[in-house]
Amino acid sequence: MRTLTILAAAAATLVATAATAAPVERSFTRDGHTYVYTTSALDEQRTLIEGHEAERGGRFRFVVNGNRVSGQANGVPVSFRAAQSLTVNAAGAAN
């Protein structure tokens, strides 16, 4: 019985570790459109935001460096300044 408990605890730890290693999908709705995205740290200064529009499937990929954002939205190059800088920790959670 004790061995079963230890194995269950070890499996739960592995599942929790695997879950934190994968980027967490988030979403928001603006002007009636829902967007789903993930964030991940490229390095100490740059954050990658990748996602798509839920209804139409249009994709976007942005690199945030401080308050500067560049990348593509629906295949169109974009570049703009963000209202505030974005940093992501190693687990992928935005600060």
PDB file of N, CA and C in Angstrom:
ATOM      1  N   MET A   1       0.822  -1.193   0.000  1.00  0.00           N
ATOM      2  CA  MET A   1       0.000   0.000   0.000  1.00  0.00           C
ATOM      3  C   MET A   1       0.865   1.257   0.000  1.00  0.00           C
ATOM      4  N   ARG A   2       1.944   1.228   0.792  1.00  0.00           N
ATOM      5  CA  ARG A   2       2.822   2.395   0.867  1.00  0.00           C
ATOM      6  C   ARG A   2       3.489   2.651  -0.481  1.00  0.00           C
ATOM      7  N   THR A   3       3.889   1.585  -1.188  1.00  0.00           N
ATOM      8  CA  THR A   3       4.513   1.726  -2.500  1.00  0.00           C
ATOM      9  C   THR A   3       3.553   2.393  -3.475  1.00  0.00           C
ATOM     10  N   LEU A   4       2.293   2.019  -3.448  1.00  0.00           N
ATOM     11  CA  LEU A   4       1.283   2.618  -4.306  1.00  0.00           C
ATOM     12  C   LEU A   4       1.131   4.106  -4.021  1.00  0.00           C
ATOM     13  N   THR A   5       1.157   4.488  -2.762  1.00  0.00           N
ATOM     14  CA  THR A   5       1.058   5.895  -2.379  1.00  0.00           C
ATOM     15  C   THR A   5       2.255   6.681  -2.884  1.00  0.00           C
ATOM     16  N   ILE A   6       3.456   6.117  -2.763  1.00  0.00           N
ATOM     17  CA  ILE A   6       4.676   6.786  -3.236  1.00  0.00           C
ATOM     18  C   ILE A   6       4.630   6.950  -4.758  1.00  0.00           C
ATOM     19  N   LEU A   7       4.209   5.898  -5.477  1.00  0.00           N
ATOM     20  CA  LEU A   7       4.112   5.983  -6.941  1.00  0.00           C
ATOM     21  C   LEU A   7       3.082   7.027  -7.372  1.00  0.00           C
ATOM     22  N   ALA A   8       1.965   7.085  -6.686  1.00  0.00           N
ATOM     23  CA  ALA A   8       0.936   8.078  -7.016  1.00  0.00           C
ATOM     24  C   ALA A   8       1.452   9.488  -6.785  1.00  0.00           C
ATOM     25  N   ALA A   9       2.180   9.695  -5.692  1.00  0.00           N
ATOM     26  CA  ALA A   9       2.746  11.022  -5.413  1.00  0.00           C
ATOM     27  C   ALA A   9       3.784  11.394  -6.461  1.00  0.00           C
ATOM     28  N   ALA A  10       4.620  10.434  -6.859  1.00  0.00           N
ATOM     29  CA  ALA A  10       5.641  10.703  -7.881  1.00  0.00           C
ATOM     30  C   ALA A  10       4.983  11.033  -9.224  1.00  0.00           C
ATOM     31  N   ALA A  11       3.944  10.295  -9.576  1.00  0.00           N
ATOM     32  CA  ALA A  11       3.236  10.557 -10.837  1.00  0.00           C
ATOM     33  C   ALA A  11       2.585  11.932 -10.813  1.00  0.00           C
ATOM     34  N   ALA A  12       2.002  12.306  -9.689  1.00  0.00           N
ATOM     35  CA  ALA A  12       1.377  13.627  -9.570  1.00  0.00           C
ATOM     36  C   ALA A  12       2.412  14.724  -9.718  1.00  0.00           C
ATOM     37  N   THR A  13       3.608  14.518  -9.162  1.00  0.00           N
ATOM     38  CA  THR A  13       4.682  15.504  -9.293  1.00  0.00           C
ATOM     39  C   THR A  13       5.120  15.636 -10.739  1.00  0.00           C
ATOM     40  N   LEU A  14       5.266  14.515 -11.445  1.00  0.00           N
ATOM     41  CA  LEU A  14       5.670  14.549 -12.851  1.00  0.00           C
ATOM     42  C   LEU A  14       4.625  15.250 -13.712  1.00  0.00           C
ATOM     43  N   VAL A  15       3.352  14.988 -13.464  1.00  0.00           N
ATOM     44  CA  VAL A  15       2.282  15.638 -14.225  1.00  0.00           C
ATOM     45  C   VAL A  15       2.298  17.138 -13.970  1.00  0.00           C
ATOM     46  N   ALA A  16       2.474  17.545 -12.732  1.00  0.00           N
ATOM     47  CA  ALA A  16       2.512  18.971 -12.399  1.00  0.00           C
ATOM     48  C   ALA A  16       3.716  19.636 -13.051  1.00  0.00           C
ATOM     49  N   THR A  17       4.868  18.968 -13.066  1.00  0.00           N
ATOM     50  CA  THR A  17       6.064  19.523 -13.699  1.00  0.00           C
ATOM     51  C   THR A  17       5.859  19.654 -15.197  1.00  0.00           C
ATOM     52  N   ALA A  18       5.294  18.637 -15.828  1.00  0.00           N
ATOM     53  CA  ALA A  18       5.054  18.686 -17.265  1.00  0.00           C
ATOM     54  C   ALA A  18       4.067  19.792 -17.609  1.00  0.00           C
ATOM     55  N   ALA A  19       3.082  20.000 -16.759  1.00  0.00           N
ATOM     56  CA  ALA A  19       2.079  21.036 -17.025  1.00  0.00           C
ATOM     57  C   ALA A  19       2.697  22.424 -16.962  1.00  0.00           C
ATOM     58  N   THR A  20       3.639  22.645 -16.057  1.00  0.00           N
ATOM     59  CA  THR A  20       4.237  23.973 -15.960  1.00  0.00           C
ATOM     60  C   THR A  20       5.271  24.203 -17.056  1.00  0.00           C
ATOM     61  N   ALA A  21       5.796  23.141 -17.650  1.00  0.00           N
ATOM     62  CA  ALA A  21       6.791  23.289 -18.708  1.00  0.00           C
ATOM     63  C   ALA A  21       6.148  23.775 -20.008  1.00  0.00           C
ATOM     64  N   ALA A  22       4.907  23.411 -20.264  1.00  0.00           N
ATOM     65  CA  ALA A  22       4.221  23.821 -21.486  1.00  0.00           C
ATOM     66  C   ALA A  22       3.637  25.220 -21.302  1.00  0.00           C
ATOM     67  N   PRO A  23       3.673  26.039 -22.362  1.00  0.00           N
ATOM     68  CA  PRO A  23       3.066  27.369 -22.253  1.00  0.00           C
ATOM     69  C   PRO A  23       1.567  27.268 -21.956  1.00  0.00           C
ATOM     70  N   VAL A  24       1.084  28.179 -21.136  1.00  0.00           N
ATOM     71  CA  VAL A  24      -0.329  28.202 -20.761  1.00  0.00           C
ATOM     72  C   VAL A  24      -1.089  29.049 -21.771  1.00  0.00           C
ATOM     73  N   GLU A  25      -2.163  28.478 -22.322  1.00  0.00           N
ATOM     74  CA  GLU A  25      -2.995  29.248 -23.254  1.00  0.00           C
ATOM     75  C   GLU A  25      -3.870  30.207 -22.481  1.00  0.00           C
ATOM     76  N   ARG A  26      -3.907  31.430 -22.959  1.00  0.00           N
ATOM     77  CA  ARG A  26      -4.774  32.454 -22.373  1.00  0.00           C
ATOM     78  C   ARG A  26      -5.653  32.999 -23.499  1.00  0.00           C
ATOM     79  N   SER A  27      -6.682  33.745 -23.124  1.00  0.00           N
ATOM     80  CA  SER A  27      -7.533  34.338 -24.152  1.00  0.00           C
ATOM     81  C   SER A  27      -8.078  35.671 -23.665  1.00  0.00           C
ATOM     82  N   PHE A  28      -8.492  36.486 -24.628  1.00  0.00           N
ATOM     83  CA  PHE A  28      -9.181  37.732 -24.324  1.00  0.00           C
ATOM     84  C   PHE A  28     -10.120  38.034 -25.480  1.00  0.00           C
ATOM     85  N   THR A  29     -11.119  38.856 -25.217  1.00  0.00           N
ATOM     86  CA  THR A  29     -12.076  39.247 -26.243  1.00  0.00           C
ATOM     87  C   THR A  29     -12.037  40.755 -26.392  1.00  0.00           C
ATOM     88  N   ARG A  30     -11.975  41.199 -27.638  1.00  0.00           N
ATOM     89  CA  ARG A  30     -11.991  42.634 -27.930  1.00  0.00           C
ATOM     90  C   ARG A  30     -12.801  42.856 -29.194  1.00  0.00           C
ATOM     91  N   ASP A  31     -13.706  43.817 -29.145  1.00  0.00           N
ATOM     92  CA  ASP A  31     -14.566  44.155 -30.282  1.00  0.00           C
ATOM     93  C   ASP A  31     -15.283  42.926 -30.840  1.00  0.00           C
ATOM     94  N   GLY A  32     -15.688  42.015 -29.937  1.00  0.00           N
ATOM     95  CA  GLY A  32     -16.435  40.841 -30.356  1.00  0.00           C
ATOM     96  C   GLY A  32     -15.591  39.709 -30.909  1.00  0.00           C
ATOM     97  N   HIS A  33     -14.270  39.843 -30.919  1.00  0.00           N
ATOM     98  CA  HIS A  33     -13.381  38.797 -31.420  1.00  0.00           C
ATOM     99  C   HIS A  33     -12.588  38.224 -30.246  1.00  0.00           C
ATOM    100  N   THR A  34     -12.489  36.887 -30.202  1.00  0.00           N
ATOM    101  CA  THR A  34     -11.737  36.216 -29.141  1.00  0.00           C
ATOM    102  C   THR A  34     -10.384  35.790 -29.692  1.00  0.00           C
ATOM    103  N   TYR A  35      -9.338  36.087 -28.922  1.00  0.00           N
ATOM    104  CA  TYR A  35      -7.975  35.751 -29.297  1.00  0.00           C
ATOM    105  C   TYR A  35      -7.392  34.803 -28.254  1.00  0.00           C
ATOM    106  N   VAL A  36      -6.728  33.759 -28.714  1.00  0.00           N
ATOM    107  CA  VAL A  36      -6.095  32.773 -27.854  1.00  0.00           C
ATOM    108  C   VAL A  36      -4.596  32.877 -28.097  1.00  0.00           C
ATOM    109  N   TYR A  37      -3.789  32.890 -27.013  1.00  0.00           N
ATOM    110  CA  TYR A  37      -2.350  33.092 -27.184  1.00  0.00           C
ATOM    111  C   TYR A  37      -1.561  32.439 -26.064  1.00  0.00           C
ATOM    112  N   THR A  38      -0.267  32.291 -26.299  1.00  0.00           N
ATOM    113  CA  THR A  38       0.679  31.848 -25.275  1.00  0.00           C
ATOM    114  C   THR A  38       1.825  32.848 -25.244  1.00  0.00           C
ATOM    115  N   THR A  39       2.499  32.916 -24.101  1.00  0.00           N
ATOM    116  CA  THR A  39       3.689  33.746 -23.980  1.00  0.00           C
ATOM    117  C   THR A  39       4.837  32.876 -23.496  1.00  0.00           C
ATOM    118  N   SER A  40       6.034  33.200 -23.957  1.00  0.00           N
ATOM    119  CA  SER A  40       7.225  32.498 -23.491  1.00  0.00           C
ATOM    120  C   SER A  40       8.412  33.450 -23.565  1.00  0.00           C
ATOM    121  N   ALA A  41       9.369  33.217 -22.702  1.00  0.00           N
ATOM    122  CA  ALA A  41      10.565  34.053 -22.657  1.00  0.00           C
ATOM    123  C   ALA A  41      11.546  33.571 -23.714  1.00  0.00           C
ATOM    124  N   LEU A  42      11.990  34.480 -24.577  1.00  0.00           N
ATOM    125  CA  LEU A  42      13.049  34.154 -25.532  1.00  0.00           C
ATOM    126  C   LEU A  42      14.409  34.277 -24.853  1.00  0.00           C
ATOM    127  N   ASP A  43      14.550  35.305 -24.043  1.00  0.00           N
ATOM    128  CA  ASP A  43      15.736  35.536 -23.221  1.00  0.00           C
ATOM    129  C   ASP A  43      15.328  36.493 -22.109  1.00  0.00           C
ATOM    130  N   GLU A  44      16.291  37.084 -21.417  1.00  0.00           N
ATOM    131  CA  GLU A  44      15.961  37.947 -20.277  1.00  0.00           C
ATOM    132  C   GLU A  44      15.234  39.226 -20.674  1.00  0.00           C
ATOM    133  N   GLN A  45      15.351  39.639 -21.940  1.00  0.00           N
ATOM    134  CA  GLN A  45      14.761  40.905 -22.371  1.00  0.00           C
ATOM    135  C   GLN A  45      13.589  40.753 -23.327  1.00  0.00           C
ATOM    136  N   ARG A  46      13.496  39.627 -24.014  1.00  0.00           N
ATOM    137  CA  ARG A  46      12.479  39.478 -25.059  1.00  0.00           C
ATOM    138  C   ARG A  46      11.451  38.406 -24.712  1.00  0.00           C
ATOM    139  N   THR A  47      10.194  38.710 -25.053  1.00  0.00           N
ATOM    140  CA  THR A  47       9.069  37.804 -24.825  1.00  0.00           C
ATOM    141  C   THR A  47       8.392  37.506 -26.154  1.00  0.00           C
ATOM    142  N   LEU A  48       8.050  36.254 -26.368  1.00  0.00           N
ATOM    143  CA  LEU A  48       7.343  35.834 -27.577  1.00  0.00           C
ATOM    144  C   LEU A  48       5.870  35.645 -27.241  1.00  0.00           C
ATOM    145  N   ILE A  49       4.998  36.242 -28.050  1.00  0.00           N
ATOM    146  CA  ILE A  49       3.550  36.058 -27.927  1.00  0.00           C
ATOM    147  C   ILE A  49       3.069  35.454 -29.242  1.00  0.00           C
ATOM    148  N   GLU A  50       2.483  34.274 -29.176  1.00  0.00           N
ATOM    149  CA  GLU A  50       1.972  33.597 -30.371  1.00  0.00           C
ATOM    150  C   GLU A  50       0.518  33.227 -30.140  1.00  0.00           C
ATOM    151  N   GLY A  51      -0.305  33.365 -31.181  1.00  0.00           N
ATOM    152  CA  GLY A  51      -1.704  33.011 -31.011  1.00  0.00           C
ATOM    153  C   GLY A  51      -2.498  33.102 -32.290  1.00  0.00           C
ATOM    154  N   HIS A  52      -3.818  33.050 -32.114  1.00  0.00           N
ATOM    155  CA  HIS A  52      -4.731  33.109 -33.254  1.00  0.00           C
ATOM    156  C   HIS A  52      -6.079  33.657 -32.806  1.00  0.00           C
ATOM    157  N   GLU A  53      -6.824  34.121 -33.787  1.00  0.00           N
ATOM    158  CA  GLU A  53      -8.195  34.550 -33.524  1.00  0.00           C
ATOM    159  C   GLU A  53      -9.065  33.301 -33.541  1.00  0.00           C
ATOM    160  N   ALA A  54      -9.836  33.092 -32.493  1.00  0.00           N
ATOM    161  CA  ALA A  54     -10.581  31.848 -32.327  1.00  0.00           C
ATOM    162  C   ALA A  54     -11.584  31.598 -33.447  1.00  0.00           C
ATOM    163  N   GLU A  55     -12.339  32.608 -33.859  1.00  0.00           N
ATOM    164  CA  GLU A  55     -13.406  32.393 -34.836  1.00  0.00           C
ATOM    165  C   GLU A  55     -12.874  32.272 -36.269  1.00  0.00           C
ATOM    166  N   ARG A  56     -11.937  33.117 -36.635  1.00  0.00           N
ATOM    167  CA  ARG A  56     -11.465  33.161 -38.022  1.00  0.00           C
ATOM    168  C   ARG A  56     -10.137  32.450 -38.241  1.00  0.00           C
ATOM    169  N   GLY A  57      -9.393  32.215 -37.178  1.00  0.00           N
ATOM    170  CA  GLY A  57      -8.140  31.487 -37.296  1.00  0.00           C
ATOM    171  C   GLY A  57      -6.939  32.316 -37.701  1.00  0.00           C
ATOM    172  N   GLY A  58      -7.103  33.639 -37.846  1.00  0.00           N
ATOM    173  CA  GLY A  58      -5.968  34.487 -38.198  1.00  0.00           C
ATOM    174  C   GLY A  58      -4.872  34.373 -37.150  1.00  0.00           C
ATOM    175  N   ARG A  59      -3.635  34.168 -37.572  1.00  0.00           N
ATOM    176  CA  ARG A  59      -2.530  33.933 -36.652  1.00  0.00           C
ATOM    177  C   ARG A  59      -1.710  35.195 -36.433  1.00  0.00           C
ATOM    178  N   PHE A  60      -1.066  35.268 -35.255  1.00  0.00           N
ATOM    179  CA  PHE A  60      -0.141  36.364 -34.980  1.00  0.00           C
ATOM    180  C   PHE A  60       1.048  35.843 -34.187  1.00  0.00           C
ATOM    181  N   ARG A  61       2.172  36.532 -34.362  1.00  0.00           N
ATOM    182  CA  ARG A  61       3.414  36.203 -33.656  1.00  0.00           C
ATOM    183  C   ARG A  61       4.142  37.517 -33.404  1.00  0.00           C
ATOM    184  N   PHE A  62       4.293  37.861 -32.128  1.00  0.00           N
ATOM    185  CA  PHE A  62       4.931  39.118 -31.743  1.00  0.00           C
ATOM    186  C   PHE A  62       6.135  38.852 -30.852  1.00  0.00           C
ATOM    187  N   VAL A  63       7.165  39.654 -31.022  1.00  0.00           N
ATOM    188  CA  VAL A  63       8.299  39.657 -30.108  1.00  0.00           C
ATOM    189  C   VAL A  63       8.267  40.996 -29.385  1.00  0.00           C
ATOM    190  N   VAL A  64       8.224  40.933 -28.054  1.00  0.00           N
ATOM    191  CA  VAL A  64       8.180  42.140 -27.228  1.00  0.00           C
ATOM    192  C   VAL A  64       9.558  42.329 -26.610  1.00  0.00           C
ATOM    193  N   ASN A  65      10.139  43.504 -26.832  1.00  0.00           N
ATOM    194  CA  ASN A  65      11.441  43.851 -26.269  1.00  0.00           C
ATOM    195  C   ASN A  65      11.253  45.172 -25.532  1.00  0.00           C
ATOM    196  N   GLY A  66      11.102  45.080 -24.196  1.00  0.00           N
ATOM    197  CA  GLY A  66      10.763  46.283 -23.427  1.00  0.00           C
ATOM    198  C   GLY A  66       9.341  46.687 -23.762  1.00  0.00           C
ATOM    199  N   ASN A  67       9.170  47.905 -24.303  1.00  0.00           N
ATOM    200  CA  ASN A  67       7.828  48.327 -24.715  1.00  0.00           C
ATOM    201  C   ASN A  67       7.695  48.356 -26.235  1.00  0.00           C
ATOM    202  N   ARG A  68       8.652  47.770 -26.943  1.00  0.00           N
ATOM    203  CA  ARG A  68       8.627  47.722 -28.407  1.00  0.00           C
ATOM    204  C   ARG A  68       8.129  46.357 -28.862  1.00  0.00           C
ATOM    205  N   VAL A  69       7.140  46.327 -29.758  1.00  0.00           N
ATOM    206  CA  VAL A  69       6.548  45.088 -30.255  1.00  0.00           C
ATOM    207  C   VAL A  69       6.754  45.021 -31.765  1.00  0.00           C
ATOM    208  N   SER A  70       7.206  43.874 -32.254  1.00  0.00           N
ATOM    209  CA  SER A  70       7.335  43.673 -33.701  1.00  0.00           C
ATOM    210  C   SER A  70       6.951  42.232 -34.016  1.00  0.00           C
ATOM    211  N   GLY A  71       6.533  42.001 -35.237  1.00  0.00           N
ATOM    212  CA  GLY A  71       6.150  40.655 -35.641  1.00  0.00           C
ATOM    213  C   GLY A  71       5.206  40.672 -36.814  1.00  0.00           C
ATOM    214  N   GLN A  72       4.302  39.681 -36.846  1.00  0.00           N
ATOM    215  CA  GLN A  72       3.332  39.563 -37.937  1.00  0.00           C
ATOM    216  C   GLN A  72       1.947  39.256 -37.387  1.00  0.00           C
ATOM    217  N   ALA A  73       0.944  39.817 -38.055  1.00  0.00           N
ATOM    218  CA  ALA A  73      -0.456  39.525 -37.768  1.00  0.00           C
ATOM    219  C   ALA A  73      -1.129  39.219 -39.101  1.00  0.00           C
ATOM    220  N   ASN A  74      -1.631  37.995 -39.257  1.00  0.00           N
ATOM    221  CA  ASN A  74      -2.226  37.551 -40.527  1.00  0.00           C
ATOM    222  C   ASN A  74      -1.265  37.720 -41.695  1.00  0.00           C
ATOM    223  N   GLY A  75       0.035  37.487 -41.448  1.00  0.00           N
ATOM    224  CA  GLY A  75       1.033  37.580 -42.505  1.00  0.00           C
ATOM    225  C   GLY A  75       1.500  38.986 -42.815  1.00  0.00           C
ATOM    226  N   VAL A  76       0.982  39.983 -42.117  1.00  0.00           N
ATOM    227  CA  VAL A  76       1.343  41.384 -42.351  1.00  0.00           C
ATOM    228  C   VAL A  76       2.339  41.825 -41.274  1.00  0.00           C
ATOM    229  N   PRO A  77       3.492  42.376 -41.664  1.00  0.00           N
ATOM    230  CA  PRO A  77       4.445  42.856 -40.665  1.00  0.00           C
ATOM    231  C   PRO A  77       3.859  44.009 -39.849  1.00  0.00           C
ATOM    232  N   VAL A  78       4.100  43.976 -38.535  1.00  0.00           N
ATOM    233  CA  VAL A  78       3.632  45.042 -37.651  1.00  0.00           C
ATOM    234  C   VAL A  78       4.767  45.440 -36.712  1.00  0.00           C
ATOM    235  N   SER A  79       4.725  46.692 -36.268  1.00  0.00           N
ATOM    236  CA  SER A  79       5.688  47.202 -35.308  1.00  0.00           C
ATOM    237  C   SER A  79       5.041  48.378 -34.591  1.00  0.00           C
ATOM    238  N   PHE A  80       5.069  48.338 -33.255  1.00  0.00           N
ATOM    239  CA  PHE A  80       4.445  49.417 -32.497  1.00  0.00           C
ATOM    240  C   PHE A  80       4.988  49.421 -31.082  1.00  0.00           C
ATOM    241  N   ARG A  81       4.671  50.472 -30.349  1.00  0.00           N
ATOM    242  CA  ARG A  81       5.055  50.582 -28.939  1.00  0.00           C
ATOM    243  C   ARG A  81       3.883  50.142 -28.066  1.00  0.00           C
ATOM    244  N   ALA A  82       4.200  49.366 -27.033  1.00  0.00           N
ATOM    245  CA  ALA A  82       3.190  48.922 -26.075  1.00  0.00           C
ATOM    246  C   ALA A  82       3.070  49.962 -24.968  1.00  0.00           C
ATOM    247  N   ALA A  83       1.927  49.995 -24.311  1.00  0.00           N
ATOM    248  CA  ALA A  83       1.701  50.950 -23.233  1.00  0.00           C
ATOM    249  C   ALA A  83       2.648  50.695 -22.065  1.00  0.00           C
ATOM    250  N   GLN A  84       3.017  49.423 -21.846  1.00  0.00           N
ATOM    251  CA  GLN A  84       3.948  49.072 -20.779  1.00  0.00           C
ATOM    252  C   GLN A  84       4.786  47.890 -21.238  1.00  0.00           C
ATOM    253  N   SER A  85       5.951  47.694 -20.635  1.00  0.00           N
ATOM    254  CA  SER A  85       6.799  46.577 -21.030  1.00  0.00           C
ATOM    255  C   SER A  85       6.245  45.280 -20.456  1.00  0.00           C
ATOM    256  N   LEU A  86       6.580  44.164 -21.099  1.00  0.00           N
ATOM    257  CA  LEU A  86       6.097  42.852 -20.703  1.00  0.00           C
ATOM    258  C   LEU A  86       7.297  41.959 -20.452  1.00  0.00           C
ATOM    259  N   THR A  87       7.327  41.290 -19.317  1.00  0.00           N
ATOM    260  CA  THR A  87       8.355  40.302 -19.045  1.00  0.00           C
ATOM    261  C   THR A  87       7.677  38.978 -18.708  1.00  0.00           C
ATOM    262  N   VAL A  88       8.329  37.885 -19.064  1.00  0.00           N
ATOM    263  CA  VAL A  88       7.798  36.550 -18.801  1.00  0.00           C
ATOM    264  C   VAL A  88       8.855  35.776 -18.047  1.00  0.00           C
ATOM    265  N   ASN A  89       8.452  35.089 -16.982  1.00  0.00           N
ATOM    266  CA  ASN A  89       9.412  34.282 -16.237  1.00  0.00           C
ATOM    267  C   ASN A  89       9.636  32.949 -16.947  1.00  0.00           C
ATOM    268  N   ALA A  90      10.541  32.141 -16.445  1.00  0.00           N
ATOM    269  CA  ALA A  90      10.907  30.888 -17.097  1.00  0.00           C
ATOM    270  C   ALA A  90       9.730  29.932 -17.234  1.00  0.00           C
ATOM    271  N   ALA A  91       8.741  29.994 -16.366  1.00  0.00           N
ATOM    272  CA  ALA A  91       7.574  29.117 -16.444  1.00  0.00           C
ATOM    273  C   ALA A  91       6.565  29.592 -17.478  1.00  0.00           C
ATOM    274  N   GLY A  92       6.760  30.781 -18.050  1.00  0.00           N
ATOM    275  CA  GLY A  92       5.871  31.274 -19.076  1.00  0.00           C
ATOM    276  C   GLY A  92       4.759  32.169 -18.568  1.00  0.00           C
ATOM    277  N   ALA A  93       4.791  32.535 -17.304  1.00  0.00           N
ATOM    278  CA  ALA A  93       3.752  33.404 -16.765  1.00  0.00           C
ATOM    279  C   ALA A  93       4.147  34.855 -16.958  1.00  0.00           C
ATOM    280  N   ALA A  94       3.265  35.637 -17.515  1.00  0.00           N
ATOM    281  CA  ALA A  94       3.539  37.052 -17.771  1.00  0.00           C
ATOM    282  C   ALA A  94       3.473  37.823 -16.475  1.00  0.00           C
ATOM    283  N   ASN A  95       4.372  38.777 -16.334  1.00  0.00           N
ATOM    284  CA  ASN A  95       4.368  39.671 -15.168  1.00  0.00           C
ATOM    285  C   ASN A  95       3.807  41.003 -15.553  1.00  0.00           C
TER     286      ASN A  95
END
